[in-house]
PDB file of all heavy atoms in Angstrom:
ATOM      1  N   LYS A   1      11.675 -19.841   3.706  1.00  0.00           N
ATOM      2  CA  LYS A   1      12.481 -18.674   3.316  1.00  0.00           C
ATOM      3  C   LYS A   1      12.021 -17.432   4.081  1.00  0.00           C
ATOM      4  O   LYS A   1      10.897 -17.375   4.587  1.00  0.00           O
ATOM      5  CB  LYS A   1      12.339 -18.416   1.812  1.00  0.00           C
ATOM      6  CG  LYS A   1      12.691 -19.599   0.928  1.00  0.00           C
ATOM      7  CD  LYS A   1      12.509 -19.226  -0.530  1.00  0.00           C
ATOM      8  CE  LYS A   1      12.726 -20.420  -1.445  1.00  0.00           C
ATOM      9  NZ  LYS A   1      11.659 -21.440  -1.303  1.00  0.00           N
ATOM     10  N   LYS A   2      12.921 -16.446   4.124  1.00  0.00           N
ATOM     11  CA  LYS A   2      12.549 -15.163   4.720  1.00  0.00           C
ATOM     12  C   LYS A   2      11.519 -14.479   3.832  1.00  0.00           C
ATOM     13  O   LYS A   2      11.555 -14.583   2.604  1.00  0.00           O
ATOM     14  CB  LYS A   2      13.783 -14.271   4.850  1.00  0.00           C
ATOM     15  CG  LYS A   2      14.811 -14.759   5.859  1.00  0.00           C
ATOM     16  CD  LYS A   2      15.976 -13.796   5.937  1.00  0.00           C
ATOM     17  CE  LYS A   2      16.988 -14.253   6.956  1.00  0.00           C
ATOM     18  NZ  LYS A   2      18.136 -13.321   7.063  1.00  0.00           N
ATOM     19  N   SER A   3      10.597 -13.786   4.473  1.00  0.00           N
ATOM     20  CA  SER A   3       9.564 -13.071   3.712  1.00  0.00           C
ATOM     21  C   SER A   3      10.161 -11.838   3.032  1.00  0.00           C
ATOM     22  O   SER A   3      11.073 -11.205   3.575  1.00  0.00           O
ATOM     23  CB  SER A   3       8.433 -12.640   4.650  1.00  0.00           C
ATOM     24  OG  SER A   3       7.847 -13.762   5.264  1.00  0.00           O
ATOM     25  N   ARG A   4       9.649 -11.496   1.873  1.00  0.00           N
ATOM     26  CA  ARG A   4      10.134 -10.326   1.150  1.00  0.00           C
ATOM     27  C   ARG A   4       9.607  -9.049   1.793  1.00  0.00           C
ATOM     28  O   ARG A   4       8.531  -9.040   2.408  1.00  0.00           O
ATOM     29  CB  ARG A   4       9.704 -10.403  -0.317  1.00  0.00           C
ATOM     30  CG  ARG A   4      10.297 -11.598  -1.044  1.00  0.00           C
ATOM     31  CD  ARG A   4       9.980 -11.550  -2.519  1.00  0.00           C
ATOM     32  NE  ARG A   4      10.563 -12.676  -3.228  1.00  0.00           N
ATOM     33  CZ  ARG A   4      10.534 -12.815  -4.551  1.00  0.00           C
ATOM     34  NH1 ARG A   4       9.927 -11.887  -5.298  1.00  0.00           N
ATOM     35  NH2 ARG A   4      11.089 -13.859  -5.122  1.00  0.00           N
ATOM     36  N   TRP A   5      10.352  -7.989   1.586  1.00  0.00           N
ATOM     37  CA  TRP A   5      10.012  -6.738   2.257  1.00  0.00           C
ATOM     38  C   TRP A   5       8.647  -6.200   1.828  1.00  0.00           C
ATOM     39  O   TRP A   5       7.927  -5.606   2.624  1.00  0.00           O
ATOM     40  CB  TRP A   5      11.090  -5.687   2.015  1.00  0.00           C
ATOM     41  CG  TRP A   5      11.160  -5.166   0.593  1.00  0.00           C
ATOM     42  CD1 TRP A   5      11.968  -5.599  -0.402  1.00  0.00           C
ATOM     43  CD2 TRP A   5      10.368  -4.114   0.034  1.00  0.00           C
ATOM     44  NE1 TRP A   5      11.739  -4.906  -1.560  1.00  0.00           N
ATOM     45  CE2 TRP A   5      10.755  -3.969  -1.317  1.00  0.00           C
ATOM     46  CE3 TRP A   5       9.365  -3.280   0.522  1.00  0.00           C
ATOM     47  CZ2 TRP A   5      10.193  -3.031  -2.175  1.00  0.00           C
ATOM     48  CZ3 TRP A   5       8.796  -2.339  -0.322  1.00  0.00           C
ATOM     49  CH2 TRP A   5       9.209  -2.216  -1.641  1.00  0.00           C
ATOM     50  N   ASN A   6       8.275  -6.425   0.542  1.00  0.00           N
ATOM     51  CA  ASN A   6       6.990  -5.890   0.084  1.00  0.00           C
ATOM     52  C   ASN A   6       5.812  -6.622   0.734  1.00  0.00           C
ATOM     53  O   ASN A   6       4.776  -6.016   1.030  1.00  0.00           O
ATOM     54  CB  ASN A   6       6.885  -5.936  -1.443  1.00  0.00           C
ATOM     55  CG  ASN A   6       7.243  -7.295  -2.006  1.00  0.00           C
ATOM     56  OD1 ASN A   6       7.599  -8.210  -1.273  1.00  0.00           O
ATOM     57  ND2 ASN A   6       7.149  -7.424  -3.307  1.00  0.00           N
ATOM     58  N   SER A   7       5.970  -7.937   0.994  1.00  0.00           N
ATOM     59  CA  SER A   7       4.910  -8.679   1.685  1.00  0.00           C
ATOM     60  C   SER A   7       4.789  -8.227   3.133  1.00  0.00           C
ATOM     61  O   SER A   7       3.678  -8.092   3.668  1.00  0.00           O
ATOM     62  CB  SER A   7       5.209 -10.184   1.633  1.00  0.00           C
ATOM     63  OG  SER A   7       5.264 -10.642   0.299  1.00  0.00           O
ATOM     64  N   ILE A   8       5.944  -7.972   3.757  1.00  0.00           N
ATOM     65  CA  ILE A   8       5.930  -7.509   5.148  1.00  0.00           C
ATOM     66  C   ILE A   8       5.332  -6.105   5.227  1.00  0.00           C
ATOM     67  O   ILE A   8       4.547  -5.792   6.129  1.00  0.00           O
ATOM     68  CB  ILE A   8       7.363  -7.521   5.737  1.00  0.00           C
ATOM     69  CG1 ILE A   8       7.908  -8.955   5.757  1.00  0.00           C
ATOM     70  CG2 ILE A   8       7.379  -6.940   7.143  1.00  0.00           C
ATOM     71  CD1 ILE A   8       9.349  -9.066   6.221  1.00  0.00           C
ATOM     72  N   SER A   9       5.692  -5.245   4.277  1.00  0.00           N
ATOM     73  CA  SER A   9       5.169  -3.881   4.254  1.00  0.00           C
ATOM     74  C   SER A   9       3.644  -3.883   4.120  1.00  0.00           C
ATOM     75  O   SER A   9       2.942  -3.085   4.772  1.00  0.00           O
ATOM     76  CB  SER A   9       5.799  -3.101   3.095  1.00  0.00           C
ATOM     77  OG  SER A   9       5.307  -1.784   3.045  1.00  0.00           O
ATOM     78  N   LYS A  10       3.110  -4.764   3.297  1.00  0.00           N
ATOM     79  CA  LYS A  10       1.655  -4.872   3.119  1.00  0.00           C
ATOM     80  C   LYS A  10       0.985  -5.274   4.426  1.00  0.00           C
ATOM     81  O   LYS A  10      -0.048  -4.726   4.820  1.00  0.00           O
ATOM     82  CB  LYS A  10       1.359  -5.889   2.023  1.00  0.00           C
ATOM     83  CG  LYS A  10      -0.125  -6.086   1.763  1.00  0.00           C
ATOM     84  CD  LYS A  10      -0.344  -7.148   0.693  1.00  0.00           C
ATOM     85  CE  LYS A  10      -1.838  -7.399   0.495  1.00  0.00           C
ATOM     86  NZ  LYS A  10      -2.069  -8.488  -0.498  1.00  0.00           N
ATOM     87  N   LEU A  11       1.589  -6.253   5.125  1.00  0.00           N
ATOM     88  CA  LEU A  11       1.044  -6.702   6.400  1.00  0.00           C
ATOM     89  C   LEU A  11       1.073  -5.572   7.436  1.00  0.00           C
ATOM     90  O   LEU A  11       0.102  -5.362   8.180  1.00  0.00           O
ATOM     91  CB  LEU A  11       1.823  -7.908   6.909  1.00  0.00           C
ATOM     92  CG  LEU A  11       1.458  -8.431   8.303  1.00  0.00           C
ATOM     93  CD1 LEU A  11       0.014  -8.943   8.324  1.00  0.00           C
ATOM     94  CD2 LEU A  11       2.421  -9.534   8.741  1.00  0.00           C
ATOM     95  N   LEU A  12       2.176  -4.822   7.481  1.00  0.00           N
ATOM     96  CA  LEU A  12       2.299  -3.706   8.432  1.00  0.00           C
ATOM     97  C   LEU A  12       1.247  -2.631   8.164  1.00  0.00           C
ATOM     98  O   LEU A  12       0.695  -2.035   9.099  1.00  0.00           O
ATOM     99  CB  LEU A  12       3.705  -3.104   8.347  1.00  0.00           C
ATOM    100  CG  LEU A  12       4.873  -4.005   8.783  1.00  0.00           C
ATOM    101  CD1 LEU A  12       6.190  -3.263   8.614  1.00  0.00           C
ATOM    102  CD2 LEU A  12       4.708  -4.479  10.214  1.00  0.00           C
ATOM    103  N   ARG A  13       0.963  -2.384   6.889  1.00  0.00           N
ATOM    104  CA  ARG A  13      -0.041  -1.378   6.524  1.00  0.00           C
ATOM    105  C   ARG A  13      -1.426  -1.806   7.002  1.00  0.00           C
ATOM    106  O   ARG A  13      -2.205  -0.979   7.520  1.00  0.00           O
ATOM    107  CB  ARG A  13      -0.027  -1.143   5.011  1.00  0.00           C
ATOM    108  CG  ARG A  13      -0.953  -0.019   4.563  1.00  0.00           C
ATOM    109  CD  ARG A  13      -0.676   0.431   3.135  1.00  0.00           C
ATOM    110  NE  ARG A  13      -0.776  -0.653   2.176  1.00  0.00           N
ATOM    111  CZ  ARG A  13       0.271  -1.228   1.575  1.00  0.00           C
ATOM    112  NH1 ARG A  13       1.507  -0.814   1.849  1.00  0.00           N
ATOM    113  NH2 ARG A  13       0.101  -2.214   0.706  1.00  0.00           N
ATOM    114  N   GLU A  14      -1.738  -3.090   6.872  1.00  0.00           N
ATOM    115  CA  GLU A  14      -3.028  -3.611   7.331  1.00  0.00           C
ATOM    116  C   GLU A  14      -3.158  -3.487   8.848  1.00  0.00           C
ATOM    117  O   GLU A  14      -4.219  -3.118   9.373  1.00  0.00           O
ATOM    118  CB  GLU A  14      -3.183  -5.066   6.894  1.00  0.00           C
ATOM    119  CG  GLU A  14      -3.308  -5.252   5.391  1.00  0.00           C
ATOM    120  CD  GLU A  14      -3.284  -6.710   4.987  1.00  0.00           C
ATOM    121  OE1 GLU A  14      -3.088  -7.573   5.887  1.00  0.00           O
ATOM    122  OE2 GLU A  14      -3.444  -7.006   3.778  1.00  0.00           O
ATOM    123  N   ILE A  15      -2.084  -3.795   9.558  1.00  0.00           N
ATOM    124  CA  ILE A  15      -2.108  -3.695  11.026  1.00  0.00           C
ATOM    125  C   ILE A  15      -2.254  -2.240  11.453  1.00  0.00           C
ATOM    126  O   ILE A  15      -3.007  -1.912  12.384  1.00  0.00           O
ATOM    127  CB  ILE A  15      -0.823  -4.324  11.630  1.00  0.00           C
ATOM    128  CG1 ILE A  15      -0.805  -5.831  11.377  1.00  0.00           C
ATOM    129  CG2 ILE A  15      -0.719  -4.028  13.119  1.00  0.00           C
ATOM    130  CD1 ILE A  15       0.493  -6.519  11.815  1.00  0.00           C
ATOM    131  N   ALA A  16      -1.513  -1.341  10.796  1.00  0.00           N
ATOM    132  CA  ALA A  16      -1.574   0.089  11.136  1.00  0.00           C
ATOM    133  C   ALA A  16      -2.991   0.639  10.953  1.00  0.00           C
ATOM    134  O   ALA A  16      -3.481   1.427  11.771  1.00  0.00           O
ATOM    135  CB  ALA A  16      -0.583   0.863  10.276  1.00  0.00           C
ATOM    136  N   ILE A  17      -3.677   0.212   9.881  1.00  0.00           N
ATOM    137  CA  ILE A  17      -5.048   0.676   9.636  1.00  0.00           C
ATOM    138  C   ILE A  17      -5.983   0.184  10.742  1.00  0.00           C
ATOM    139  O   ILE A  17      -6.811   0.939  11.271  1.00  0.00           O
ATOM    140  CB  ILE A  17      -5.540   0.198   8.248  1.00  0.00           C
ATOM    141  CG1 ILE A  17      -4.734   0.888   7.142  1.00  0.00           C
ATOM    142  CG2 ILE A  17      -7.037   0.451   8.081  1.00  0.00           C
ATOM    143  CD1 ILE A  17      -5.006   0.343   5.756  1.00  0.00           C
ATOM    144  N   LYS A  18      -5.840  -1.099  11.108  1.00  0.00           N
ATOM    145  CA  LYS A  18      -6.699  -1.663  12.150  1.00  0.00           C
ATOM    146  C   LYS A  18      -6.458  -1.001  13.509  1.00  0.00           C
ATOM    147  O   LYS A  18      -7.384  -0.878  14.319  1.00  0.00           O
ATOM    148  CB  LYS A  18      -6.470  -3.173  12.253  1.00  0.00           C
ATOM    149  CG  LYS A  18      -6.969  -3.944  11.043  1.00  0.00           C
ATOM    150  CD  LYS A  18      -6.664  -5.429  11.166  1.00  0.00           C
ATOM    151  CE  LYS A  18      -7.140  -6.187   9.926  1.00  0.00           C
ATOM    152  NZ  LYS A  18      -6.814  -7.640  10.002  1.00  0.00           N
ATOM    153  N   GLU A  19      -5.204  -0.593  13.755  1.00  0.00           N
ATOM    154  CA  GLU A  19      -4.865   0.027  15.044  1.00  0.00           C
ATOM    155  C   GLU A  19      -5.049   1.547  15.015  1.00  0.00           C
ATOM    156  O   GLU A  19      -4.833   2.213  16.037  1.00  0.00           O
ATOM    157  CB  GLU A  19      -3.420  -0.311  15.418  1.00  0.00           C
ATOM    158  CG  GLU A  19      -3.186  -1.772  15.754  1.00  0.00           C
ATOM    159  CD  GLU A  19      -3.907  -2.198  17.033  1.00  0.00           C
ATOM    160  OE1 GLU A  19      -4.081  -1.341  17.933  1.00  0.00           O
ATOM    161  OE2 GLU A  19      -4.291  -3.393  17.131  1.00  0.00           O
ATOM    162  N   GLY A  20      -5.423   2.101  13.868  1.00  0.00           N
ATOM    163  CA  GLY A  20      -5.636   3.530  13.756  1.00  0.00           C
ATOM    164  C   GLY A  20      -4.360   4.340  13.839  1.00  0.00           C
ATOM    165  O   GLY A  20      -4.357   5.479  14.324  1.00  0.00           O
ATOM    166  N   VAL A  21      -3.266   3.782  13.342  1.00  0.00           N
ATOM    167  CA  VAL A  21      -1.969   4.460  13.381  1.00  0.00           C
ATOM    168  C   VAL A  21      -1.745   5.166  12.055  1.00  0.00           C
ATOM    169  O   VAL A  21      -1.846   4.549  10.977  1.00  0.00           O
ATOM    170  CB  VAL A  21      -0.811   3.455  13.653  1.00  0.00           C
ATOM    171  CG1 VAL A  21       0.518   4.189  13.666  1.00  0.00           C
ATOM    172  CG2 VAL A  21      -1.041   2.719  14.964  1.00  0.00           C
ATOM    173  N   ASP A  22      -1.449   6.458  12.123  1.00  0.00           N
ATOM    174  CA  ASP A  22      -1.186   7.251  10.922  1.00  0.00           C
ATOM    175  C   ASP A  22       0.275   7.031  10.528  1.00  0.00           C
ATOM    176  O   ASP A  22       1.193   7.403  11.261  1.00  0.00           O
ATOM    177  CB  ASP A  22      -1.451   8.722  11.202  1.00  0.00           C
ATOM    178  CG  ASP A  22      -1.406   9.562   9.919  1.00  0.00           C
ATOM    179  OD1 ASP A  22      -1.252   8.961   8.832  1.00  0.00           O
ATOM    180  OD2 ASP A  22      -1.511  10.798  10.018  1.00  0.00           O
ATOM    181  N   THR A  23       0.508   6.424   9.390  1.00  0.00           N
ATOM    182  CA  THR A  23       1.871   6.075   8.987  1.00  0.00           C
ATOM    183  C   THR A  23       2.177   6.551   7.575  1.00  0.00           C
ATOM    184  O   THR A  23       1.287   6.603   6.710  1.00  0.00           O
ATOM    185  CB  THR A  23       2.086   4.538   9.031  1.00  0.00           C
ATOM    186  OG1 THR A  23       1.146   3.913   8.156  1.00  0.00           O
ATOM    187  CG2 THR A  23       1.900   4.010  10.441  1.00  0.00           C
ATOM    188  N   ASN A  24       3.434   6.864   7.363  1.00  0.00           N
ATOM    189  CA  ASN A  24       3.931   7.174   6.038  1.00  0.00           C
ATOM    190  C   ASN A  24       4.312   5.846   5.368  1.00  0.00           C
ATOM    191  O   ASN A  24       5.082   5.062   5.938  1.00  0.00           O
ATOM    192  CB  ASN A  24       5.148   8.087   6.151  1.00  0.00           C
ATOM    193  CG  ASN A  24       5.671   8.536   4.803  1.00  0.00           C
ATOM    194  OD1 ASN A  24       5.575   7.822   3.813  1.00  0.00           O
ATOM    195  ND2 ASN A  24       6.243   9.729   4.762  1.00  0.00           N
ATOM    196  N   PRO A  25       3.751   5.533   4.187  1.00  0.00           N
ATOM    197  CA  PRO A  25       4.063   4.264   3.518  1.00  0.00           C
ATOM    198  C   PRO A  25       5.574   4.013   3.382  1.00  0.00           C
ATOM    199  O   PRO A  25       6.028   2.862   3.467  1.00  0.00           O
ATOM    200  CB  PRO A  25       3.393   4.413   2.147  1.00  0.00           C
ATOM    201  CG  PRO A  25       2.284   5.382   2.386  1.00  0.00           C
ATOM    202  CD  PRO A  25       2.805   6.346   3.403  1.00  0.00           C
ATOM    203  N   GLN A  26       6.347   5.078   3.166  1.00  0.00           N
ATOM    204  CA  GLN A  26       7.796   4.926   3.038  1.00  0.00           C
ATOM    205  C   GLN A  26       8.409   4.470   4.361  1.00  0.00           C
ATOM    206  O   GLN A  26       9.381   3.710   4.376  1.00  0.00           O
ATOM    207  CB  GLN A  26       8.424   6.247   2.582  1.00  0.00           C
ATOM    208  CG  GLN A  26       9.891   6.148   2.201  1.00  0.00           C
ATOM    209  CD  GLN A  26      10.127   5.234   1.015  1.00  0.00           C
ATOM    210  OE1 GLN A  26       9.241   5.085   0.161  1.00  0.00           O
ATOM    211  NE2 GLN A  26      11.286   4.609   0.964  1.00  0.00           N
ATOM    212  N   ALA A  27       7.805   4.918   5.487  1.00  0.00           N
ATOM    213  CA  ALA A  27       8.296   4.495   6.799  1.00  0.00           C
ATOM    214  C   ALA A  27       8.065   2.997   7.003  1.00  0.00           C
ATOM    215  O   ALA A  27       8.923   2.287   7.548  1.00  0.00           O
ATOM    216  CB  ALA A  27       7.613   5.299   7.897  1.00  0.00           C
ATOM    217  N   LEU A  28       6.897   2.508   6.550  1.00  0.00           N
ATOM    218  CA  LEU A  28       6.599   1.080   6.658  1.00  0.00           C
ATOM    219  C   LEU A  28       7.564   0.258   5.802  1.00  0.00           C
ATOM    220  O   LEU A  28       7.999  -0.836   6.199  1.00  0.00           O
ATOM    221  CB  LEU A  28       5.154   0.810   6.236  1.00  0.00           C
ATOM    222  CG  LEU A  28       4.053   1.442   7.110  1.00  0.00           C
ATOM    223  CD1 LEU A  28       2.683   1.098   6.550  1.00  0.00           C
ATOM    224  CD2 LEU A  28       4.183   0.987   8.553  1.00  0.00           C
ATOM    225  N   LYS A  29       7.905   0.814   4.645  1.00  0.00           N
ATOM    226  CA  LYS A  29       8.858   0.133   3.775  1.00  0.00           C
ATOM    227  C   LYS A  29      10.219   0.009   4.462  1.00  0.00           C
ATOM    228  O   LYS A  29      10.879  -1.045   4.402  1.00  0.00           O
ATOM    229  CB  LYS A  29       8.998   0.873   2.453  1.00  0.00           C
ATOM    230  CG  LYS A  29      10.038   0.259   1.522  1.00  0.00           C
ATOM    231  CD  LYS A  29      10.203   1.078   0.240  1.00  0.00           C
ATOM    232  CE  LYS A  29      11.315   0.502  -0.628  1.00  0.00           C
ATOM    233  NZ  LYS A  29      11.522   1.290  -1.861  1.00  0.00           N
ATOM    234  N   GLU A  30      10.647   1.092   5.122  1.00  0.00           N
ATOM    235  CA  GLU A  30      11.941   1.081   5.818  1.00  0.00           C
ATOM    236  C   GLU A  30      11.959   0.042   6.925  1.00  0.00           C
ATOM    237  O   GLU A  30      12.951  -0.670   7.130  1.00  0.00           O
ATOM    238  CB  GLU A  30      12.241   2.473   6.387  1.00  0.00           C
ATOM    239  CG  GLU A  30      12.584   3.515   5.340  1.00  0.00           C
ATOM    240  CD  GLU A  30      13.868   3.181   4.607  1.00  0.00           C
ATOM    241  OE1 GLU A  30      14.823   2.729   5.264  1.00  0.00           O
ATOM    242  OE2 GLU A  30      13.906   3.367   3.378  1.00  0.00           O
ATOM    243  N   ILE A  31      10.849  -0.045   7.669  1.00  0.00           N
ATOM    244  CA  ILE A  31      10.771  -1.058   8.731  1.00  0.00           C
ATOM    245  C   ILE A  31      10.875  -2.457   8.132  1.00  0.00           C
ATOM    246  O   ILE A  31      11.593  -3.326   8.648  1.00  0.00           O
ATOM    247  CB  ILE A  31       9.453  -0.918   9.524  1.00  0.00           C
ATOM    248  CG1 ILE A  31       9.417   0.411  10.274  1.00  0.00           C
ATOM    249  CG2 ILE A  31       9.294  -2.073  10.505  1.00  0.00           C
ATOM    250  CD1 ILE A  31       8.094   0.670  10.985  1.00  0.00           C
ATOM    251  N   ALA A  32      10.159  -2.696   7.036  1.00  0.00           N
ATOM    252  CA  ALA A  32      10.156  -4.012   6.389  1.00  0.00           C
ATOM    253  C   ALA A  32      11.540  -4.385   5.882  1.00  0.00           C
ATOM    254  O   ALA A  32      11.996  -5.520   6.046  1.00  0.00           O
ATOM    255  CB  ALA A  32       9.146  -4.017   5.243  1.00  0.00           C
ATOM    256  N   VAL A  33      12.228  -3.424   5.265  1.00  0.00           N
ATOM    257  CA  VAL A  33      13.565  -3.695   4.719  1.00  0.00           C
ATOM    258  C   VAL A  33      14.553  -3.999   5.845  1.00  0.00           C
ATOM    259  O   VAL A  33      15.353  -4.951   5.765  1.00  0.00           O
ATOM    260  CB  VAL A  33      14.046  -2.496   3.873  1.00  0.00           C
ATOM    261  CG1 VAL A  33      15.520  -2.662   3.508  1.00  0.00           C
ATOM    262  CG2 VAL A  33      13.201  -2.358   2.615  1.00  0.00           C
ATOM    263  N   LYS A  34      14.513  -3.184   6.910  1.00  0.00           N
ATOM    264  CA  LYS A  34      15.469  -3.348   8.001  1.00  0.00           C
ATOM    265  C   LYS A  34      15.183  -4.576   8.869  1.00  0.00           C
ATOM    266  O   LYS A  34      16.055  -5.010   9.625  1.00  0.00           O
ATOM    267  CB  LYS A  34      15.489  -2.088   8.865  1.00  0.00           C
ATOM    268  CG  LYS A  34      16.103  -0.890   8.155  1.00  0.00           C
ATOM    269  CD  LYS A  34      16.304   0.290   9.102  1.00  0.00           C
ATOM    270  CE  LYS A  34      17.023   1.434   8.379  1.00  0.00           C
ATOM    271  NZ  LYS A  34      17.316   2.561   9.284  1.00  0.00           N
ATOM    272  N   SER A  35      13.997  -5.142   8.753  1.00  0.00           N
ATOM    273  CA  SER A  35      13.686  -6.355   9.529  1.00  0.00           C
ATOM    274  C   SER A  35      14.356  -7.587   8.951  1.00  0.00           C
ATOM    275  O   SER A  35      14.399  -8.637   9.601  1.00  0.00           O
ATOM    276  CB  SER A  35      12.177  -6.571   9.575  1.00  0.00           C
ATOM    277  OG  SER A  35      11.681  -6.922   8.294  1.00  0.00           O
ATOM    278  N   GLN A  36      14.875  -7.478   7.705  1.00  0.00           N
ATOM    279  CA  GLN A  36      15.613  -8.573   7.065  1.00  0.00           C
ATOM    280  C   GLN A  36      14.802  -9.872   6.998  1.00  0.00           C
ATOM    281  O   GLN A  36      15.305 -10.961   7.248  1.00  0.00           O
ATOM    282  CB  GLN A  36      16.924  -8.828   7.808  1.00  0.00           C
ATOM    283  CG  GLN A  36      17.924  -7.689   7.737  1.00  0.00           C
ATOM    284  CD  GLN A  36      18.527  -7.540   6.340  1.00  0.00           C
ATOM    285  OE1 GLN A  36      19.109  -8.473   5.799  1.00  0.00           O
ATOM    286  NE2 GLN A  36      18.371  -6.378   5.759  1.00  0.00           N
ATOM    287  N   GLY A  37      13.501  -9.736   6.667  1.00  0.00           N
ATOM    288  CA  GLY A  37      12.670 -10.921   6.476  1.00  0.00           C
ATOM    289  C   GLY A  37      12.044 -11.475   7.729  1.00  0.00           C
ATOM    290  O   GLY A  37      11.307 -12.462   7.674  1.00  0.00           O
ATOM    291  N   ASP A  38      12.298 -10.868   8.888  1.00  0.00           N
ATOM    292  CA  ASP A  38      11.744 -11.330  10.156  1.00  0.00           C
ATOM    293  C   ASP A  38      10.414 -10.614  10.401  1.00  0.00           C
ATOM    294  O   ASP A  38      10.380  -9.449  10.806  1.00  0.00           O
ATOM    295  CB  ASP A  38      12.732 -11.041  11.287  1.00  0.00           C
ATOM    296  CG  ASP A  38      12.332 -11.703  12.599  1.00  0.00           C
ATOM    297  OD1 ASP A  38      11.123 -11.918  12.806  1.00  0.00           O
ATOM    298  OD2 ASP A  38      13.217 -11.989  13.423  1.00  0.00           O
ATOM    299  N   VAL A  39       9.302 -11.310  10.159  1.00  0.00           N
ATOM    300  CA  VAL A  39       7.976 -10.711  10.292  1.00  0.00           C
ATOM    301  C   VAL A  39       7.707 -10.304  11.740  1.00  0.00           C
ATOM    302  O   VAL A  39       7.183  -9.221  12.013  1.00  0.00           O
ATOM    303  CB  VAL A  39       6.886 -11.692   9.805  1.00  0.00           C
ATOM    304  CG1 VAL A  39       5.499 -11.073   9.960  1.00  0.00           C
ATOM    305  CG2 VAL A  39       7.131 -12.087   8.358  1.00  0.00           C
ATOM    306  N   ARG A  40       8.079 -11.166  12.656  1.00  0.00           N
ATOM    307  CA  ARG A  40       7.845 -10.881  14.073  1.00  0.00           C
ATOM    308  C   ARG A  40       8.572  -9.613  14.508  1.00  0.00           C
ATOM    309  O   ARG A  40       8.028  -8.770  15.217  1.00  0.00           O
ATOM    310  CB  ARG A  40       8.313 -12.082  14.910  1.00  0.00           C
ATOM    311  CG  ARG A  40       8.088 -11.929  16.413  1.00  0.00           C
ATOM    312  CD  ARG A  40       8.362 -13.245  17.115  1.00  0.00           C
ATOM    313  NE  ARG A  40       9.698 -13.736  16.811  1.00  0.00           N
ATOM    314  CZ  ARG A  40      10.041 -15.018  16.897  1.00  0.00           C
ATOM    315  NH1 ARG A  40       9.146 -15.921  17.251  1.00  0.00           N
ATOM    316  NH2 ARG A  40      11.273 -15.398  16.627  1.00  0.00           N
ATOM    317  N   SER A  41       9.835  -9.478  14.073  1.00  0.00           N
ATOM    318  CA  SER A  41      10.613  -8.297  14.416  1.00  0.00           C
ATOM    319  C   SER A  41       9.980  -7.032  13.835  1.00  0.00           C
ATOM    320  O   SER A  41       9.934  -5.983  14.496  1.00  0.00           O
ATOM    321  CB  SER A  41      12.049  -8.450  13.888  1.00  0.00           C
ATOM    322  OG  SER A  41      12.785  -7.270  14.065  1.00  0.00           O
ATOM    323  N   ALA A  42       9.455  -7.113  12.610  1.00  0.00           N
ATOM    324  CA  ALA A  42       8.841  -5.945  11.962  1.00  0.00           C
ATOM    325  C   ALA A  42       7.595  -5.496  12.710  1.00  0.00           C
ATOM    326  O   ALA A  42       7.380  -4.291  12.929  1.00  0.00           O
ATOM    327  CB  ALA A  42       8.501  -6.286  10.513  1.00  0.00           C
ATOM    328  N   ILE A  43       6.768  -6.456  13.118  1.00  0.00           N
ATOM    329  CA  ILE A  43       5.533  -6.102  13.844  1.00  0.00           C
ATOM    330  C   ILE A  43       5.872  -5.494  15.204  1.00  0.00           C
ATOM    331  O   ILE A  43       5.266  -4.497  15.633  1.00  0.00           O
ATOM    332  CB  ILE A  43       4.627  -7.337  14.010  1.00  0.00           C
ATOM    333  CG1 ILE A  43       4.177  -7.842  12.635  1.00  0.00           C
ATOM    334  CG2 ILE A  43       3.422  -7.011  14.883  1.00  0.00           C
ATOM    335  CD1 ILE A  43       3.392  -9.150  12.686  1.00  0.00           C
ATOM    336  N   ASN A  44       6.841  -6.068  15.905  1.00  0.00           N
ATOM    337  CA  ASN A  44       7.240  -5.525  17.211  1.00  0.00           C
ATOM    338  C   ASN A  44       7.792  -4.104  17.074  1.00  0.00           C
ATOM    339  O   ASN A  44       7.540  -3.235  17.920  1.00  0.00           O
ATOM    340  CB  ASN A  44       8.285  -6.430  17.861  1.00  0.00           C
ATOM    341  CG  ASN A  44       7.686  -7.728  18.383  1.00  0.00           C
ATOM    342  OD1 ASN A  44       6.500  -7.780  18.709  1.00  0.00           O
ATOM    343  ND2 ASN A  44       8.501  -8.771  18.472  1.00  0.00           N
ATOM    344  N   THR A  45       8.545  -3.865  15.997  1.00  0.00           N
ATOM    345  CA  THR A  45       9.094  -2.521  15.763  1.00  0.00           C
ATOM    346  C   THR A  45       7.986  -1.511  15.500  1.00  0.00           C
ATOM    347  O   THR A  45       8.004  -0.391  16.024  1.00  0.00           O
ATOM    348  CB  THR A  45      10.071  -2.550  14.569  1.00  0.00           C
ATOM    349  OG1 THR A  45      11.124  -3.475  14.841  1.00  0.00           O
ATOM    350  CG2 THR A  45      10.660  -1.171  14.320  1.00  0.00           C
TER     351      THR A  45
END
């Protein structure tokens, strides 16, 4: 199944911290929602 947006958002937050990227949590949520369950697309975005 496609991954849920909240799981993708959590993964994006972990990556952003490791890469030292200052992000707004709401922005990460928007990326996760618009990726439509595609984890690879969310990370690339």
